[in-house]
Amino acid sequence: MKNNFSAGSKTLSALMLSAGVLFAPAVLGLAPAAQAAAVAGLPDFTELVDKVGPAVVNIRTTERLKLGQGAQGGPSDEEMQEFLRRFFGGAVPTPNPGGKAPRGRRQAPQGEEVQRGVGSGFIISPEGYVLTNAHVVDGADEVYVTLTDKREFKAKVLGADARTDVALLKVEGGKLPSLTMGDSSKIRVGEWVIAIGSPFNLENTVTAGIISAKSRDTGDYLALIQSDVAVNPGNSGGPLINMRGEVIGINSQIATLSGGYNGISFAVPIDEAMRVSDQLKKSGKVTRGRIGVQIGELSKEVAESLGLKSAQGAEVSLVEPGGPADKAGIRAGDIILKFNGVQINRSSDLPRLVGGSALGSQATVTIWRKGAQQELSVAIAELEADKSAKAKAEAAKPKAELAANALGLKVSDLTPAQKKALDLDGGAAVDAAEGVAARAGLHAGDVILQLNNVEIKDARQFNAAVAKLDPKKASVVLVRRGDVTQFVSLRPAAK
């Protein structure tokens, strides 16, 4: 790697030198005023850092040792896996010279306080309210906040929200420096931003870059701000600041394969962070809405088979029995297109919209069912931490009735007991899958509910419909597997 890197550096230097020779006459030919304008156009962060730096804090967390716990306990395998995804504010393990395993750990007295990790944060009001990441303070027994003037305070954790990775702290200090909150909805891709934090416990380190994307969907509850600002372990919880000195995000994650910075970092939008902090300040927790559905991404093939012009929407794979969606008439296999008139572009848009709705309010949900749009009114209930939308019963293995059809499925009728347990009026139970069905992942125990938007009543009807399919066109079946319902695109075998 060293040789390759050296070679790459020489190549890059040669290219830069060539560019300098080629363009030197043009640069030298610029008028003095033009040259001054070019220099003046470069960003200067000095005044900005002087202005906002004092309100950025170092956060140190400690824990009290429990009986039998070593004073120098290292991270677990799960914690190291999490480190590869998040640059949590933890102390970086010191390499072991020679690769030898430690012989043992010092057994400290129970209750002794030892350092757990280091992160960052920032003061949002002179009264001492501090924002940081939830994962920075998670599991800590004590939290200490240190300012740039070396004042240190013991902080109280008012609340933390794991879904958005936001935590609110309170320190007792008067006339503290604070930052101004910006509007993360108005940020623009390409604008300059800076991050200030404590990477590797190097307090008040400033790095700069640009916003790379505004709403990057990382699979979490929030769409995050992506930037190329250098952030590393210990930067967690620090502010992402625009050129006006306003906070537009909280640095929270990086995309990495090695655990180090690779040019892609993510920040929680400050608009959402402030909404969360307001709730944490009032009650110490965050309440969110729910409608009781489990959803999946809508594929292009399924969208076309259902007659939709584009793969926009959320596919309902499970409806919680007795939940708000169930009472409103939403069924597994429906495609949710809009929520209160807002288009659902990706399935992840729906939980964000529902979560932000007022509890007890009525929402209008636009669905796609059997080639037509419908609007249903759904009540918003409270999202519970361990709420599950799973059904109570599982289907028993049905008996085979017919040979495999053109989709590679051997099916049989559901028994009355199975229909009751699954709360179904009809359907065809899969006894075996081969060919195209097996390659698509179907297997015994699945239940076929629909074929190309037509409800399946029994095995004989399903086989008759499959026999009429055009092998040149893909068909879509609605499949239930245990608790989950999902559309699967299949192309029948040629006759």
Protein backbone atom coordinates (compact mmCIF):
# COMPACT_ATOMS: atom_id res chain seq x y z
CA MET A 1 0.00 0.00 0.00
CA LYS A 2 2.87 2.37 0.79
CA ASN A 3 4.40 1.91 -2.64
CA ASN A 4 1.09 2.37 -4.38
CA PHE A 5 0.36 5.48 -2.36
CA SER A 6 3.77 6.94 -3.17
CA ALA A 7 3.27 6.24 -6.85
CA GLY A 8 -0.14 7.82 -6.75
CA SER A 9 1.23 10.89 -5.03
CA LYS A 10 3.93 11.33 -7.68
CA THR A 11 1.38 11.00 -10.45
CA LEU A 12 -0.88 13.53 -8.82
CA SER A 13 2.01 15.94 -8.30
CA ALA A 14 3.01 15.61 -11.92
CA LEU A 15 -0.52 16.39 -13.05
CA MET A 16 -0.68 19.43 -10.79
CA LEU A 17 2.64 20.71 -12.03
CA SER A 18 1.54 20.23 -15.64
CA ALA A 19 -1.63 22.16 -14.95
CA GLY A 20 0.41 24.92 -13.35
CA VAL A 21 2.65 25.24 -16.44
CA LEU A 22 -0.27 25.16 -18.82
CA PHE A 23 -2.33 27.76 -16.98
CA ALA A 24 0.43 29.95 -15.54
CA PRO A 25 0.31 32.50 -18.39
CA ALA A 26 -3.44 32.95 -17.92
CA VAL A 27 -3.07 33.43 -14.18
CA LEU A 28 -0.17 35.86 -14.61
CA GLY A 29 -2.16 37.73 -17.22
CA LEU A 30 -4.99 38.55 -14.79
CA ALA A 31 -5.30 42.16 -13.74
CA PRO A 32 -4.40 42.83 -10.07
CA ALA A 33 -8.06 43.53 -9.23
CA ALA A 34 -9.11 40.20 -10.74
CA GLN A 35 -6.39 38.37 -8.84
CA ALA A 36 -7.53 40.02 -5.60
CA ALA A 37 -11.14 39.04 -6.33
CA ALA A 38 -10.09 35.42 -6.90
CA VAL A 39 -8.29 35.37 -3.55
CA ALA A 40 -11.16 37.13 -1.81
CA GLY A 41 -13.56 34.51 -3.17
CA LEU A 42 -11.90 31.75 -1.16
CA PRO A 43 -13.67 30.92 2.12
CA ASP A 44 -12.12 32.26 5.30
CA PHE A 45 -13.39 30.55 8.45
CA THR A 46 -11.33 32.45 11.03
CA GLU A 47 -13.99 34.94 12.18
CA LEU A 48 -16.65 32.24 12.05
CA VAL A 49 -14.64 29.94 14.31
CA ASP A 50 -13.91 32.79 16.74
CA LYS A 51 -17.65 33.48 16.91
CA VAL A 52 -19.03 29.95 17.38
CA GLY A 53 -16.11 28.04 18.91
CA PRO A 54 -16.73 28.96 22.58
CA ALA A 55 -20.20 27.37 22.51
CA VAL A 56 -18.91 23.96 21.34
CA VAL A 57 -18.16 21.64 24.25
CA ASN A 58 -16.28 18.43 24.97
CA ILE A 59 -18.41 15.70 26.54
CA ARG A 60 -16.76 13.11 28.76
CA THR A 61 -18.75 10.15 30.05
CA THR A 62 -17.92 7.76 32.86
CA GLU A 63 -19.38 4.62 34.36
CA ARG A 64 -19.20 3.00 37.78
CA LEU A 65 -17.66 -0.43 37.80
CA LYS A 66 -19.89 -3.28 38.75
CA LEU A 67 -18.88 -6.39 40.65
CA GLY A 68 -16.32 -8.39 38.64
CA GLN A 69 -15.92 -5.74 35.94
CA GLY A 70 -12.36 -4.79 34.98
CA ALA A 71 -11.15 -1.22 35.02
CA GLN A 72 -9.77 -1.50 31.53
CA GLY A 73 -12.64 -3.28 29.81
CA GLY A 74 -12.46 -3.09 26.03
CA PRO A 75 -15.34 -2.81 23.59
CA SER A 76 -17.46 -5.86 22.84
CA ASP A 77 -17.81 -7.37 19.38
CA GLU A 78 -21.22 -5.72 19.02
CA GLU A 79 -19.78 -2.34 19.97
CA MET A 80 -16.99 -2.72 17.41
CA GLN A 81 -19.53 -3.59 14.72
CA GLU A 82 -21.48 -0.47 15.65
CA PHE A 83 -18.24 1.53 15.48
CA LEU A 84 -17.90 0.57 11.82
CA ARG A 85 -21.22 2.29 11.15
CA ARG A 86 -21.18 5.16 13.62
CA PHE A 87 -18.26 7.15 14.93
CA PHE A 88 -19.66 7.10 18.44
CA GLY A 89 -17.90 9.26 20.97
CA GLY A 90 -15.92 6.47 22.55
CA ALA A 91 -12.30 6.21 23.52
CA VAL A 92 -10.29 4.56 20.74
CA PRO A 93 -8.66 1.30 21.92
CA THR A 94 -4.87 1.50 22.15
CA PRO A 95 -3.12 -1.02 19.85
CA ASN A 96 -1.48 -3.89 21.70
CA PRO A 97 2.27 -3.93 20.80
CA GLY A 98 3.38 -7.28 19.43
CA GLY A 99 -0.18 -8.49 19.06
CA LYS A 100 -0.10 -10.31 22.40
CA ALA A 101 -3.31 -10.80 24.27
CA PRO A 102 -3.48 -9.13 27.70
CA ARG A 103 -2.95 -11.55 30.56
CA GLY A 104 -5.60 -9.99 32.71
CA ARG A 105 -7.39 -6.86 33.81
CA ARG A 106 -7.08 -4.92 36.98
CA GLN A 107 -10.01 -5.62 39.22
CA ALA A 108 -11.14 -2.29 40.60
CA PRO A 109 -13.38 -1.80 43.62
CA GLN A 110 -17.08 -1.91 42.86
CA GLY A 111 -18.45 1.59 42.26
CA GLU A 112 -15.17 3.12 41.09
CA GLU A 113 -15.75 5.69 38.33
CA VAL A 114 -13.79 5.10 35.12
CA GLN A 115 -13.80 6.96 31.82
CA ARG A 116 -16.16 5.48 29.28
CA GLY A 117 -15.90 7.72 26.23
CA VAL A 118 -15.49 11.15 24.72
CA GLY A 119 -17.82 13.05 22.41
CA SER A 120 -18.92 16.54 21.49
CA GLY A 121 -21.89 18.83 21.96
CA PHE A 122 -22.96 22.46 21.78
CA ILE A 123 -24.81 24.92 23.99
CA ILE A 124 -28.17 26.07 22.60
CA SER A 125 -29.11 28.58 25.31
CA PRO A 126 -27.31 30.70 27.94
CA GLU A 127 -29.26 28.78 30.62
CA GLY A 128 -27.09 25.73 29.97
CA TYR A 129 -29.05 23.43 27.64
CA VAL A 130 -26.70 21.29 25.55
CA LEU A 131 -27.43 19.16 22.49
CA THR A 132 -25.46 16.04 21.59
CA ASN A 133 -26.03 12.54 20.19
CA ALA A 134 -27.99 9.95 22.14
CA HIS A 135 -25.27 7.37 21.53
CA VAL A 136 -22.67 9.63 23.17
CA VAL A 137 -24.40 9.45 26.57
CA ASP A 138 -26.04 6.04 26.23
CA GLY A 139 -25.18 3.84 29.20
CA ALA A 140 -23.17 6.54 31.01
CA ASP A 141 -23.45 6.93 34.77
CA GLU A 142 -21.98 10.44 34.77
CA VAL A 143 -21.63 13.06 32.05
CA TYR A 144 -19.17 15.97 32.19
CA VAL A 145 -19.21 19.01 29.90
CA THR A 146 -16.02 21.04 29.36
CA LEU A 147 -15.97 24.48 27.71
CA THR A 148 -13.12 26.02 25.75
CA ASP A 149 -12.26 28.19 28.76
CA LYS A 150 -11.65 24.92 30.69
CA ARG A 151 -14.71 25.26 32.92
CA GLU A 152 -16.17 21.83 33.59
CA PHE A 153 -19.72 21.01 34.66
CA LYS A 154 -21.46 17.81 35.63
CA ALA A 155 -24.42 17.50 33.24
CA LYS A 156 -27.86 16.06 33.78
CA VAL A 157 -29.30 14.03 30.90
CA LEU A 158 -32.84 15.37 30.49
CA GLY A 159 -33.66 12.79 27.84
CA ALA A 160 -32.38 10.89 24.83
CA ASP A 161 -34.12 9.69 21.68
CA ALA A 162 -32.45 6.74 19.95
CA ARG A 163 -34.53 7.02 16.76
CA THR A 164 -33.13 10.43 15.89
CA ASP A 165 -29.92 10.04 17.91
CA VAL A 166 -30.54 13.26 19.83
CA ALA A 167 -29.95 13.89 23.53
CA LEU A 168 -30.58 16.99 25.64
CA LEU A 169 -28.33 17.83 28.61
CA LYS A 170 -28.50 20.54 31.26
CA VAL A 171 -25.60 22.15 33.09
CA GLU A 172 -25.86 24.70 35.88
CA GLY A 173 -23.97 27.75 34.70
CA GLY A 174 -24.85 31.37 34.10
CA LYS A 175 -24.40 33.46 30.94
CA LEU A 176 -22.95 30.60 28.92
CA PRO A 177 -22.02 31.12 25.26
CA SER A 178 -24.63 29.67 22.91
CA LEU A 179 -25.16 29.04 19.22
CA THR A 180 -27.88 30.23 16.85
CA MET A 181 -30.05 27.58 15.21
CA GLY A 182 -30.43 27.72 11.43
CA ASP A 183 -33.07 26.33 9.06
CA SER A 184 -31.98 22.94 7.74
CA SER A 185 -34.81 22.97 5.19
CA LYS A 186 -33.12 25.86 3.37
CA ILE A 187 -29.64 24.38 2.99
CA ARG A 188 -28.21 24.01 -0.51
CA VAL A 189 -26.00 21.32 -1.92
CA GLY A 190 -22.52 22.75 -2.46
CA GLU A 191 -22.58 25.38 0.28
CA TRP A 192 -19.64 25.57 2.68
CA VAL A 193 -20.00 24.19 6.20
CA ILE A 194 -17.69 23.53 9.14
CA ALA A 195 -17.69 20.97 11.94
CA ILE A 196 -16.26 21.57 15.40
CA GLY A 197 -15.73 18.78 17.89
CA SER A 198 -13.30 16.57 19.79
CA PRO A 199 -12.06 13.87 17.40
CA PHE A 200 -9.79 11.48 19.32
CA ASN A 201 -10.29 13.81 22.31
CA LEU A 202 -8.59 16.70 20.47
CA GLU A 203 -10.86 19.46 21.75
CA ASN A 204 -12.24 22.19 19.47
CA THR A 205 -10.90 20.73 16.24
CA VAL A 206 -12.29 22.54 13.19
CA THR A 207 -12.81 20.85 9.81
CA ALA A 208 -14.50 22.22 6.69
CA GLY A 209 -16.23 20.98 3.55
CA ILE A 210 -19.44 21.26 1.59
CA ILE A 211 -22.94 19.81 1.79
CA SER A 212 -23.00 16.77 -0.50
CA ALA A 213 -26.72 15.91 -0.28
CA LYS A 214 -29.70 17.31 1.61
CA SER A 215 -31.92 14.30 2.34
CA ARG A 216 -29.86 11.15 2.35
CA ASP A 217 -31.89 8.11 3.32
CA THR A 218 -29.64 5.84 5.40
CA GLY A 219 -32.39 3.47 6.46
CA ASP A 220 -32.84 5.16 9.82
CA TYR A 221 -35.86 7.12 11.01
CA LEU A 222 -34.54 10.41 9.61
CA ALA A 223 -33.26 11.60 6.25
CA LEU A 224 -29.81 12.98 7.08
CA ILE A 225 -27.59 15.78 5.76
CA GLN A 226 -24.56 14.40 3.91
CA SER A 227 -21.31 16.36 3.77
CA ASP A 228 -17.64 15.77 3.03
CA VAL A 229 -16.50 17.45 6.25
CA ALA A 230 -13.86 15.32 7.98
CA VAL A 231 -15.29 13.77 11.15
CA ASN A 232 -13.87 10.98 13.30
CA PRO A 233 -14.50 9.24 16.65
CA GLY A 234 -15.24 11.96 19.19
CA ASN A 235 -16.92 14.32 16.69
CA SER A 236 -20.28 12.75 17.57
CA GLY A 237 -22.74 15.34 18.84
CA GLY A 238 -20.82 18.34 17.54
CA PRO A 239 -22.46 21.00 15.37
CA LEU A 240 -22.46 21.32 11.59
CA ILE A 241 -22.39 25.08 10.99
CA ASN A 242 -23.05 27.21 7.90
CA MET A 243 -21.16 30.33 6.88
CA ARG A 244 -23.63 32.53 8.79
CA GLY A 245 -22.64 30.86 12.04
CA GLU A 246 -25.92 28.93 12.32
CA VAL A 247 -26.20 25.29 13.34
CA ILE A 248 -27.84 23.25 10.60
CA GLY A 249 -27.12 19.75 11.90
CA ILE A 250 -25.64 17.48 14.57
CA ASN A 251 -22.77 15.32 13.32
CA SER A 252 -23.85 11.75 13.92
CA GLN A 253 -22.58 9.11 11.49
CA ILE A 254 -20.03 8.29 8.83
CA ALA A 255 -20.05 5.80 5.96
CA THR A 256 -16.99 3.62 6.44
CA LEU A 257 -15.60 0.14 5.92
CA SER A 258 -12.59 0.66 8.18
CA GLY A 259 -13.97 2.71 11.07
CA GLY A 260 -12.14 5.84 9.86
CA TYR A 261 -13.23 8.84 7.84
CA ASN A 262 -13.70 8.09 4.13
CA GLY A 263 -15.14 11.38 2.88
CA ILE A 264 -18.83 10.80 3.68
CA SER A 265 -20.38 12.02 6.92
CA PHE A 266 -23.96 12.50 8.05
CA ALA A 267 -25.68 14.97 10.35
CA VAL A 268 -29.12 15.05 11.97
CA PRO A 269 -31.04 18.06 10.54
CA ILE A 270 -31.30 20.72 13.24
CA ASP A 271 -35.02 21.33 12.56
CA GLU A 272 -35.84 17.78 13.64
CA ALA A 273 -33.28 17.87 16.45
CA MET A 274 -34.92 20.96 17.95
CA ARG A 275 -38.39 19.40 17.74
CA VAL A 276 -37.04 16.40 19.61
CA SER A 277 -35.22 18.55 22.18
CA ASP A 278 -38.41 20.51 22.89
CA GLN A 279 -40.20 17.28 23.81
CA LEU A 280 -37.23 16.04 25.83
CA LYS A 281 -37.19 19.32 27.73
CA LYS A 282 -40.89 19.07 28.57
CA SER A 283 -41.30 15.39 29.36
CA GLY A 284 -37.95 13.62 29.00
CA LYS A 285 -39.26 11.49 26.14
CA VAL A 286 -40.50 11.76 22.57
CA THR A 287 -44.00 10.68 21.52
CA ARG A 288 -44.68 9.68 17.92
CA GLY A 289 -47.68 8.61 15.94
CA ARG A 290 -48.39 5.20 14.46
CA ILE A 291 -51.12 3.63 12.34
CA GLY A 292 -50.22 -0.04 12.79
CA VAL A 293 -48.78 -1.21 9.47
CA GLN A 294 -45.58 -2.90 8.39
CA ILE A 295 -44.36 -1.66 5.03
CA GLY A 296 -41.79 -2.43 2.36
CA GLU A 297 -40.26 -0.76 -0.67
CA LEU A 298 -42.27 -0.86 -3.89
CA SER A 299 -40.27 -2.31 -6.77
CA LYS A 300 -40.56 -1.15 -10.38
CA GLU A 301 -41.75 -4.58 -11.54
CA VAL A 302 -44.53 -4.74 -8.96
CA ALA A 303 -45.59 -1.15 -9.66
CA GLU A 304 -45.94 -1.88 -13.38
CA SER A 305 -47.86 -5.09 -12.73
CA LEU A 306 -50.30 -3.19 -10.49
CA GLY A 307 -50.86 -0.48 -13.10
CA LEU A 308 -48.90 2.28 -11.36
CA LYS A 309 -46.93 4.73 -13.48
CA SER A 310 -43.95 4.81 -11.12
CA ALA A 311 -42.52 2.90 -8.16
CA GLN A 312 -43.54 5.57 -5.67
CA GLY A 313 -45.32 4.53 -2.52
CA ALA A 314 -45.12 2.13 0.41
CA GLU A 315 -46.24 -1.47 0.04
CA VAL A 316 -48.28 -2.67 3.03
CA SER A 317 -46.99 -6.09 4.03
CA LEU A 318 -48.75 -6.45 7.38
CA VAL A 319 -51.68 -4.79 9.12
CA GLU A 320 -51.84 -5.00 12.90
CA PRO A 321 -55.12 -6.65 13.90
CA GLY A 322 -57.34 -4.13 15.65
CA GLY A 323 -54.91 -1.28 14.98
CA PRO A 324 -55.79 2.10 13.46
CA ALA A 325 -55.06 1.00 9.88
CA ASP A 326 -57.11 -2.17 10.31
CA LYS A 327 -60.06 -0.19 11.61
CA ALA A 328 -59.72 2.25 8.69
CA GLY A 329 -59.90 -0.58 6.15
CA ILE A 330 -56.26 -0.72 5.02
CA ARG A 331 -55.28 -4.22 3.92
CA ALA A 332 -52.06 -6.08 3.28
CA GLY A 333 -51.17 -5.59 -0.38
CA ASP A 334 -52.39 -2.00 -0.52
CA ILE A 335 -49.94 0.61 -1.79
CA ILE A 336 -49.94 3.81 0.26
CA LEU A 337 -49.40 6.67 -2.20
CA LYS A 338 -50.03 9.74 -0.03
CA PHE A 339 -50.34 10.69 3.62
CA ASN A 340 -52.37 13.83 4.28
CA GLY A 341 -51.81 14.80 0.65
CA VAL A 342 -48.01 14.40 0.81
CA GLN A 343 -46.58 12.07 -1.84
CA ILE A 344 -44.80 8.96 -0.51
CA ASN A 345 -41.73 8.70 -2.75
CA ARG A 346 -39.95 6.05 -0.67
CA SER A 347 -41.36 3.71 1.94
CA SER A 348 -39.22 5.43 4.59
CA ASP A 349 -41.18 8.66 4.04
CA LEU A 350 -44.30 7.18 5.63
CA PRO A 351 -43.08 6.51 9.21
CA ARG A 352 -41.55 9.99 9.32
CA LEU A 353 -44.83 11.62 8.33
CA VAL A 354 -46.92 9.43 10.61
CA GLY A 355 -44.48 9.87 13.50
CA GLY A 356 -44.75 13.63 13.29
CA SER A 357 -48.55 13.66 13.34
CA ALA A 358 -50.54 14.78 16.37
CA LEU A 359 -51.77 11.92 18.52
CA GLY A 360 -55.52 11.40 18.23
CA SER A 361 -55.81 13.32 14.97
CA GLN A 362 -57.39 11.95 11.80
CA ALA A 363 -55.16 11.53 8.75
CA THR A 364 -56.15 10.96 5.14
CA VAL A 365 -54.33 8.05 3.55
CA THR A 366 -54.44 7.59 -0.24
CA ILE A 367 -54.03 3.97 -1.26
CA TRP A 368 -53.85 2.01 -4.53
CA ARG A 369 -55.96 -1.15 -4.57
CA LYS A 370 -56.95 -3.25 -7.58
CA GLY A 371 -56.10 -0.58 -10.12
CA ALA A 372 -57.82 2.37 -8.43
CA GLN A 373 -57.12 5.03 -5.82
CA GLN A 374 -59.03 5.21 -2.56
CA GLU A 375 -58.90 7.65 0.33
CA LEU A 376 -59.28 6.37 3.87
CA SER A 377 -59.38 8.21 7.19
CA VAL A 378 -57.00 6.81 9.81
CA ALA A 379 -56.69 7.75 13.48
CA ILE A 380 -53.16 8.43 14.76
CA ALA A 381 -52.23 6.36 17.80
CA GLU A 382 -49.10 6.57 19.94
CA LEU A 383 -46.04 4.63 18.90
CA GLU A 384 -45.00 2.31 21.69
CA ALA A 385 -41.39 1.21 22.07
CA ASP A 386 -42.07 -2.52 21.77
CA LYS A 387 -45.28 -2.36 19.73
CA SER A 388 -45.56 -5.30 17.33
CA ALA A 389 -47.90 -5.62 14.40
CA LYS A 390 -47.54 -9.41 14.25
CA ALA A 391 -50.53 -11.71 14.11
CA LYS A 392 -51.07 -14.33 16.83
CA ALA A 393 -51.34 -17.50 14.74
CA GLU A 394 -49.29 -19.24 12.08
CA ALA A 395 -50.54 -21.37 9.23
CA ALA A 396 -50.25 -25.14 9.51
CA LYS A 397 -48.67 -27.01 6.61
CA PRO A 398 -51.43 -27.80 4.08
CA LYS A 399 -51.85 -31.01 2.14
CA ALA A 400 -50.92 -31.17 -1.50
CA GLU A 401 -53.77 -31.28 -3.97
CA LEU A 402 -52.45 -30.53 -7.44
CA ALA A 403 -49.19 -30.73 -9.38
CA ALA A 404 -46.89 -27.72 -9.84
CA ASN A 405 -48.37 -25.09 -12.16
CA ALA A 406 -46.65 -22.80 -14.67
CA LEU A 407 -45.35 -20.63 -11.83
CA GLY A 408 -43.72 -23.64 -10.21
CA LEU A 409 -46.15 -23.78 -7.29
CA LYS A 410 -47.91 -26.76 -5.78
CA VAL A 411 -50.89 -25.45 -3.85
CA SER A 412 -53.85 -26.68 -1.82
CA ASP A 413 -56.89 -25.22 -0.11
CA LEU A 414 -56.68 -23.69 3.34
CA THR A 415 -58.61 -25.56 6.02
CA PRO A 416 -61.33 -23.70 7.95
CA ALA A 417 -59.06 -23.72 11.01
CA GLN A 418 -56.22 -22.16 9.03
CA LYS A 419 -58.50 -19.48 7.62
CA LYS A 420 -59.70 -18.63 11.11
CA ALA A 421 -56.21 -18.55 12.53
CA LEU A 422 -54.97 -16.31 9.70
CA ASP A 423 -58.19 -14.25 9.57
CA LEU A 424 -58.61 -15.01 5.85
CA ASP A 425 -61.65 -15.70 3.70
CA GLY A 426 -59.68 -17.53 1.02
CA GLY A 427 -56.26 -18.16 -0.46
CA ALA A 428 -54.11 -21.02 -1.70
CA ALA A 429 -51.53 -22.67 0.56
CA VAL A 430 -48.13 -23.38 -1.00
CA ASP A 431 -47.04 -26.98 -0.45
CA ALA A 432 -43.91 -26.81 -2.60
CA ALA A 433 -42.11 -24.37 -4.88
CA GLU A 434 -39.84 -25.10 -7.82
CA GLY A 435 -38.58 -23.36 -10.94
CA VAL A 436 -39.38 -19.63 -11.13
CA ALA A 437 -41.20 -19.66 -7.78
CA ALA A 438 -38.26 -21.25 -5.97
CA ARG A 439 -35.82 -18.81 -7.56
CA ALA A 440 -38.00 -15.93 -6.34
CA GLY A 441 -37.75 -17.27 -2.78
CA LEU A 442 -41.20 -18.81 -2.35
CA HIS A 443 -41.46 -22.02 -0.33
CA ALA A 444 -43.85 -24.35 1.46
CA GLY A 445 -45.97 -22.61 4.09
CA ASP A 446 -46.55 -19.44 2.05
CA VAL A 447 -50.12 -18.45 1.23
CA ILE A 448 -51.14 -16.96 -2.14
CA LEU A 449 -53.71 -14.18 -1.64
CA GLN A 450 -53.86 -12.49 -5.06
CA LEU A 451 -52.75 -12.99 -8.64
CA ASN A 452 -52.54 -9.83 -10.77
CA ASN A 453 -54.92 -7.95 -8.45
CA VAL A 454 -57.48 -10.76 -8.44
CA GLU A 455 -58.24 -12.31 -5.05
CA ILE A 456 -57.61 -16.04 -4.78
CA LYS A 457 -60.40 -18.07 -3.20
CA ASP A 458 -58.92 -21.55 -3.42
CA ALA A 459 -56.24 -23.68 -5.06
CA ARG A 460 -58.33 -24.69 -8.06
CA GLN A 461 -59.13 -21.07 -8.99
CA PHE A 462 -55.46 -20.13 -8.64
CA ASN A 463 -54.25 -22.95 -10.90
CA ALA A 464 -56.91 -22.12 -13.49
CA ALA A 465 -55.80 -18.48 -13.52
CA VAL A 466 -52.12 -19.44 -13.80
CA ALA A 467 -52.90 -21.65 -16.80
CA LYS A 468 -54.18 -18.60 -18.66
CA LEU A 469 -51.13 -16.42 -18.03
CA ASP A 470 -49.07 -15.05 -20.91
CA PRO A 471 -45.50 -16.42 -20.56
CA LYS A 472 -44.19 -13.28 -22.24
CA LYS A 473 -45.42 -11.06 -19.42
CA ALA A 474 -44.48 -10.96 -15.76
CA SER A 475 -47.25 -11.53 -13.26
CA VAL A 476 -47.43 -10.43 -9.66
CA VAL A 477 -48.66 -12.56 -6.77
CA LEU A 478 -49.48 -11.35 -3.27
CA VAL A 479 -47.85 -13.77 -0.85
CA ARG A 480 -48.30 -14.09 2.89
CA ARG A 481 -45.53 -15.73 4.89
CA GLY A 482 -46.28 -16.10 8.56
CA ASP A 483 -46.76 -12.51 9.67
CA VAL A 484 -45.69 -10.65 6.53
CA THR A 485 -47.45 -10.04 3.20
CA GLN A 486 -45.51 -9.05 0.09
CA PHE A 487 -45.87 -8.76 -3.69
CA VAL A 488 -43.61 -11.05 -5.75
CA SER A 489 -43.10 -10.71 -9.50
CA LEU A 490 -43.01 -14.03 -11.42
CA ARG A 491 -42.84 -14.94 -15.11
CA PRO A 492 -44.68 -18.19 -15.96
CA ALA A 493 -42.76 -20.97 -17.66
CA ALA A 494 -43.33 -21.36 -21.39
CA LYS A 495 -45.94 -23.95 -22.30
